[in-house]
Amino acid sequence: MEVGVAIFHSSVSGLGGCPYAKGATGNVATEDVVYLMNGLGIETGIDLDAVVDAGQFISQQLGRKGASRAGNAIAAKRAG
C-alpha cells in the first residue's frame, strides 16, 4: 500500500486455492484483509460484519471451520 498497490485479491473465509498444491492453505480471507484495513484507518466501503456473516454461513454449509482469524474471533465475540 505504501508503494501504490491499490488492489488486493482475497476470498470470503479464505475459500479456494490450488488443489494441486498439497498442504496449501488457500487464499487470504477477505475478513482478515478488511479487518487490517479498518485497523489502519483505510476506508474500504466493505461491511465487515456482512462479510463475516457470509463467511460463517458458507463455512457452516461446507461443514468446516472458517479460515478467517478475524471472522472467527468476531463471530465468537458475538456469541459471547
N, C-alpha and C. Protein backbone atom coordinates (compact mmCIF):
# COMPACT_ATOMS: atom_id res chain seq x y z
N MET A 1 0.82 -1.18 0.00
CA MET A 1 0.00 0.00 0.00
C MET A 1 0.87 1.25 0.00
N GLU A 2 1.95 1.19 0.73
CA GLU A 2 2.83 2.35 0.81
C GLU A 2 3.54 2.64 -0.51
N VAL A 3 3.60 1.65 -1.40
CA VAL A 3 4.27 1.85 -2.69
C VAL A 3 3.27 1.92 -3.84
N GLY A 4 1.97 2.07 -3.52
CA GLY A 4 0.97 2.29 -4.55
C GLY A 4 0.10 1.11 -4.92
N VAL A 5 0.25 -0.03 -4.27
CA VAL A 5 -0.63 -1.16 -4.57
C VAL A 5 -2.02 -0.81 -4.06
N ALA A 6 -3.02 -0.90 -4.92
CA ALA A 6 -4.37 -0.49 -4.55
C ALA A 6 -5.39 -1.61 -4.68
N ILE A 7 -5.02 -2.73 -5.27
CA ILE A 7 -5.95 -3.83 -5.46
C ILE A 7 -5.39 -5.07 -4.78
N PHE A 8 -6.22 -5.69 -3.95
CA PHE A 8 -5.83 -6.90 -3.23
C PHE A 8 -6.87 -7.98 -3.49
N HIS A 9 -6.41 -9.18 -3.78
CA HIS A 9 -7.32 -10.30 -4.03
C HIS A 9 -7.45 -11.12 -2.77
N SER A 10 -8.67 -11.49 -2.46
CA SER A 10 -8.94 -12.32 -1.30
C SER A 10 -10.23 -13.09 -1.57
N SER A 11 -10.60 -13.96 -0.66
CA SER A 11 -11.87 -14.68 -0.80
C SER A 11 -12.51 -14.83 0.57
N VAL A 12 -13.83 -14.79 0.58
CA VAL A 12 -14.56 -14.91 1.83
C VAL A 12 -14.16 -16.21 2.53
N SER A 13 -13.80 -16.09 3.78
CA SER A 13 -13.38 -17.21 4.63
C SER A 13 -12.16 -17.95 4.08
N GLY A 14 -11.42 -17.31 3.18
CA GLY A 14 -10.21 -17.92 2.64
C GLY A 14 -10.46 -19.10 1.73
N LEU A 15 -11.67 -19.22 1.21
CA LEU A 15 -12.02 -20.35 0.35
C LEU A 15 -11.25 -20.31 -0.95
N GLY A 16 -10.95 -21.48 -1.46
CA GLY A 16 -10.28 -21.58 -2.75
C GLY A 16 -8.85 -22.02 -2.60
N GLY A 17 -8.08 -21.70 -3.59
CA GLY A 17 -6.69 -22.13 -3.60
C GLY A 17 -6.45 -23.13 -4.70
N CYS A 18 -5.27 -23.62 -4.78
CA CYS A 18 -4.89 -24.57 -5.82
C CYS A 18 -4.99 -26.00 -5.31
N PRO A 19 -5.82 -26.83 -5.94
CA PRO A 19 -5.95 -28.22 -5.47
C PRO A 19 -4.69 -29.04 -5.70
N TYR A 20 -3.77 -28.53 -6.50
CA TYR A 20 -2.54 -29.27 -6.82
C TYR A 20 -1.39 -28.95 -5.87
N ALA A 21 -1.57 -27.93 -5.04
CA ALA A 21 -0.53 -27.53 -4.09
C ALA A 21 -0.85 -28.17 -2.74
N LYS A 22 -0.38 -29.38 -2.57
CA LYS A 22 -0.68 -30.14 -1.35
C LYS A 22 -0.21 -29.38 -0.11
N GLY A 23 -1.11 -29.25 0.86
CA GLY A 23 -0.78 -28.56 2.09
C GLY A 23 -0.95 -27.05 2.02
N ALA A 24 -1.31 -26.53 0.85
CA ALA A 24 -1.51 -25.09 0.71
C ALA A 24 -2.73 -24.67 1.52
N THR A 25 -2.66 -23.50 2.10
CA THR A 25 -3.75 -23.05 2.97
C THR A 25 -4.88 -22.38 2.23
N GLY A 26 -4.74 -22.10 0.97
CA GLY A 26 -5.80 -21.43 0.23
C GLY A 26 -5.53 -19.95 0.09
N ASN A 27 -6.59 -19.19 -0.06
CA ASN A 27 -6.48 -17.75 -0.26
C ASN A 27 -6.53 -17.01 1.06
N VAL A 28 -6.08 -15.77 1.04
CA VAL A 28 -6.20 -14.93 2.23
C VAL A 28 -7.68 -14.57 2.38
N ALA A 29 -8.16 -14.59 3.61
CA ALA A 29 -9.57 -14.33 3.88
C ALA A 29 -9.88 -12.83 3.75
N THR A 30 -10.98 -12.54 3.07
CA THR A 30 -11.42 -11.15 2.91
C THR A 30 -11.64 -10.50 4.26
N GLU A 31 -12.19 -11.25 5.21
CA GLU A 31 -12.44 -10.70 6.54
C GLU A 31 -11.15 -10.20 7.17
N ASP A 32 -10.07 -10.95 7.00
CA ASP A 32 -8.78 -10.55 7.58
C ASP A 32 -8.23 -9.30 6.92
N VAL A 33 -8.38 -9.21 5.60
CA VAL A 33 -7.89 -8.03 4.87
C VAL A 33 -8.68 -6.78 5.27
N VAL A 34 -10.01 -6.91 5.33
CA VAL A 34 -10.85 -5.76 5.70
C VAL A 34 -10.58 -5.34 7.15
N TYR A 35 -10.41 -6.31 8.03
CA TYR A 35 -10.10 -6.01 9.43
C TYR A 35 -8.78 -5.24 9.53
N LEU A 36 -7.78 -5.68 8.78
CA LEU A 36 -6.49 -4.99 8.76
C LEU A 36 -6.65 -3.56 8.25
N MET A 37 -7.35 -3.41 7.13
CA MET A 37 -7.55 -2.08 6.55
C MET A 37 -8.27 -1.16 7.54
N ASN A 38 -9.33 -1.69 8.17
CA ASN A 38 -10.06 -0.89 9.16
C ASN A 38 -9.13 -0.46 10.29
N GLY A 39 -8.28 -1.37 10.75
CA GLY A 39 -7.34 -1.06 11.82
C GLY A 39 -6.32 0.00 11.44
N LEU A 40 -6.02 0.05 10.15
CA LEU A 40 -5.07 1.06 9.65
C LEU A 40 -5.75 2.38 9.30
N GLY A 41 -7.08 2.41 9.46
CA GLY A 41 -7.83 3.62 9.15
C GLY A 41 -8.07 3.82 7.67
N ILE A 42 -7.98 2.74 6.89
CA ILE A 42 -8.19 2.82 5.44
C ILE A 42 -9.64 2.45 5.13
N GLU A 43 -10.36 3.36 4.52
CA GLU A 43 -11.76 3.14 4.17
C GLU A 43 -11.86 2.21 2.97
N THR A 44 -12.60 1.12 3.14
CA THR A 44 -12.76 0.15 2.06
C THR A 44 -14.15 0.17 1.44
N GLY A 45 -15.13 0.67 2.19
CA GLY A 45 -16.50 0.62 1.72
C GLY A 45 -17.12 -0.76 1.86
N ILE A 46 -16.41 -1.67 2.55
CA ILE A 46 -16.88 -3.04 2.73
C ILE A 46 -17.42 -3.19 4.14
N ASP A 47 -18.61 -3.77 4.27
CA ASP A 47 -19.24 -4.02 5.56
C ASP A 47 -18.64 -5.29 6.16
N LEU A 48 -17.71 -5.13 7.10
CA LEU A 48 -17.01 -6.27 7.69
C LEU A 48 -17.98 -7.25 8.33
N ASP A 49 -18.98 -6.76 9.04
CA ASP A 49 -19.94 -7.65 9.68
C ASP A 49 -20.68 -8.51 8.67
N ALA A 50 -21.04 -7.93 7.53
CA ALA A 50 -21.73 -8.70 6.49
C ALA A 50 -20.82 -9.77 5.89
N VAL A 51 -19.55 -9.44 5.70
CA VAL A 51 -18.60 -10.42 5.16
C VAL A 51 -18.37 -11.55 6.17
N VAL A 52 -18.28 -11.20 7.45
CA VAL A 52 -18.13 -12.22 8.50
C VAL A 52 -19.34 -13.15 8.49
N ASP A 53 -20.54 -12.58 8.41
CA ASP A 53 -21.76 -13.40 8.37
C ASP A 53 -21.74 -14.34 7.18
N ALA A 54 -21.36 -13.83 6.02
CA ALA A 54 -21.31 -14.67 4.81
C ALA A 54 -20.28 -15.78 4.98
N GLY A 55 -19.12 -15.45 5.50
CA GLY A 55 -18.07 -16.45 5.69
C GLY A 55 -18.47 -17.54 6.67
N GLN A 56 -19.12 -17.14 7.76
CA GLN A 56 -19.57 -18.12 8.75
C GLN A 56 -20.65 -19.02 8.15
N PHE A 57 -21.57 -18.44 7.40
CA PHE A 57 -22.64 -19.22 6.76
C PHE A 57 -22.06 -20.22 5.77
N ILE A 58 -21.18 -19.76 4.90
CA ILE A 58 -20.58 -20.64 3.89
C ILE A 58 -19.79 -21.76 4.56
N SER A 59 -19.00 -21.42 5.56
CA SER A 59 -18.20 -22.44 6.25
C SER A 59 -19.10 -23.47 6.92
N GLN A 60 -20.19 -23.01 7.53
CA GLN A 60 -21.13 -23.92 8.17
C GLN A 60 -21.76 -24.86 7.14
N GLN A 61 -22.13 -24.32 5.99
CA GLN A 61 -22.73 -25.14 4.94
C GLN A 61 -21.75 -26.19 4.42
N LEU A 62 -20.48 -25.85 4.41
CA LEU A 62 -19.45 -26.77 3.94
C LEU A 62 -18.97 -27.72 5.04
N GLY A 63 -19.45 -27.49 6.27
CA GLY A 63 -19.06 -28.35 7.38
C GLY A 63 -17.61 -28.19 7.79
N ARG A 64 -17.11 -26.98 7.71
CA ARG A 64 -15.72 -26.73 8.08
C ARG A 64 -15.62 -25.44 8.89
N LYS A 65 -14.55 -25.31 9.62
CA LYS A 65 -14.30 -24.07 10.36
C LYS A 65 -13.81 -23.02 9.38
N GLY A 66 -14.27 -21.80 9.55
CA GLY A 66 -13.82 -20.72 8.69
C GLY A 66 -12.32 -20.49 8.83
N ALA A 67 -11.68 -20.10 7.74
CA ALA A 67 -10.24 -19.90 7.74
C ALA A 67 -9.84 -18.48 8.14
N SER A 68 -10.83 -17.62 8.36
CA SER A 68 -10.52 -16.24 8.73
C SER A 68 -10.34 -16.11 10.23
N ARG A 69 -9.17 -15.66 10.64
CA ARG A 69 -8.94 -15.44 12.08
C ARG A 69 -9.82 -14.31 12.59
N ALA A 70 -9.90 -13.23 11.84
CA ALA A 70 -10.74 -12.11 12.27
C ALA A 70 -12.20 -12.53 12.28
N GLY A 71 -12.63 -13.22 11.24
CA GLY A 71 -14.03 -13.67 11.17
C GLY A 71 -14.40 -14.57 12.31
N ASN A 72 -13.55 -15.53 12.63
CA ASN A 72 -13.82 -16.44 13.74
C ASN A 72 -13.84 -15.71 15.08
N ALA A 73 -12.93 -14.76 15.26
CA ALA A 73 -12.87 -14.00 16.51
C ALA A 73 -14.11 -13.12 16.67
N ILE A 74 -14.51 -12.46 15.60
CA ILE A 74 -15.70 -11.60 15.65
C ILE A 74 -16.94 -12.44 15.93
N ALA A 75 -17.07 -13.59 15.27
CA ALA A 75 -18.22 -14.47 15.48
C ALA A 75 -18.24 -14.99 16.92
N ALA A 76 -17.08 -15.35 17.46
CA ALA A 76 -17.01 -15.84 18.84
C ALA A 76 -17.38 -14.75 19.84
N LYS A 77 -16.93 -13.53 19.57
CA LYS A 77 -17.25 -12.41 20.45
C LYS A 77 -18.75 -12.14 20.46
N ARG A 78 -19.38 -12.23 19.29
CA ARG A 78 -20.83 -12.04 19.20
C ARG A 78 -21.58 -13.10 20.00
N ALA A 79 -21.08 -14.33 19.92
CA ALA A 79 -21.75 -15.46 20.58
C ALA A 79 -21.62 -15.38 22.11
N GLY A 80 -20.68 -14.58 22.56
CA GLY A 80 -20.49 -14.40 24.00
C GLY A 80 -19.55 -15.36 24.54
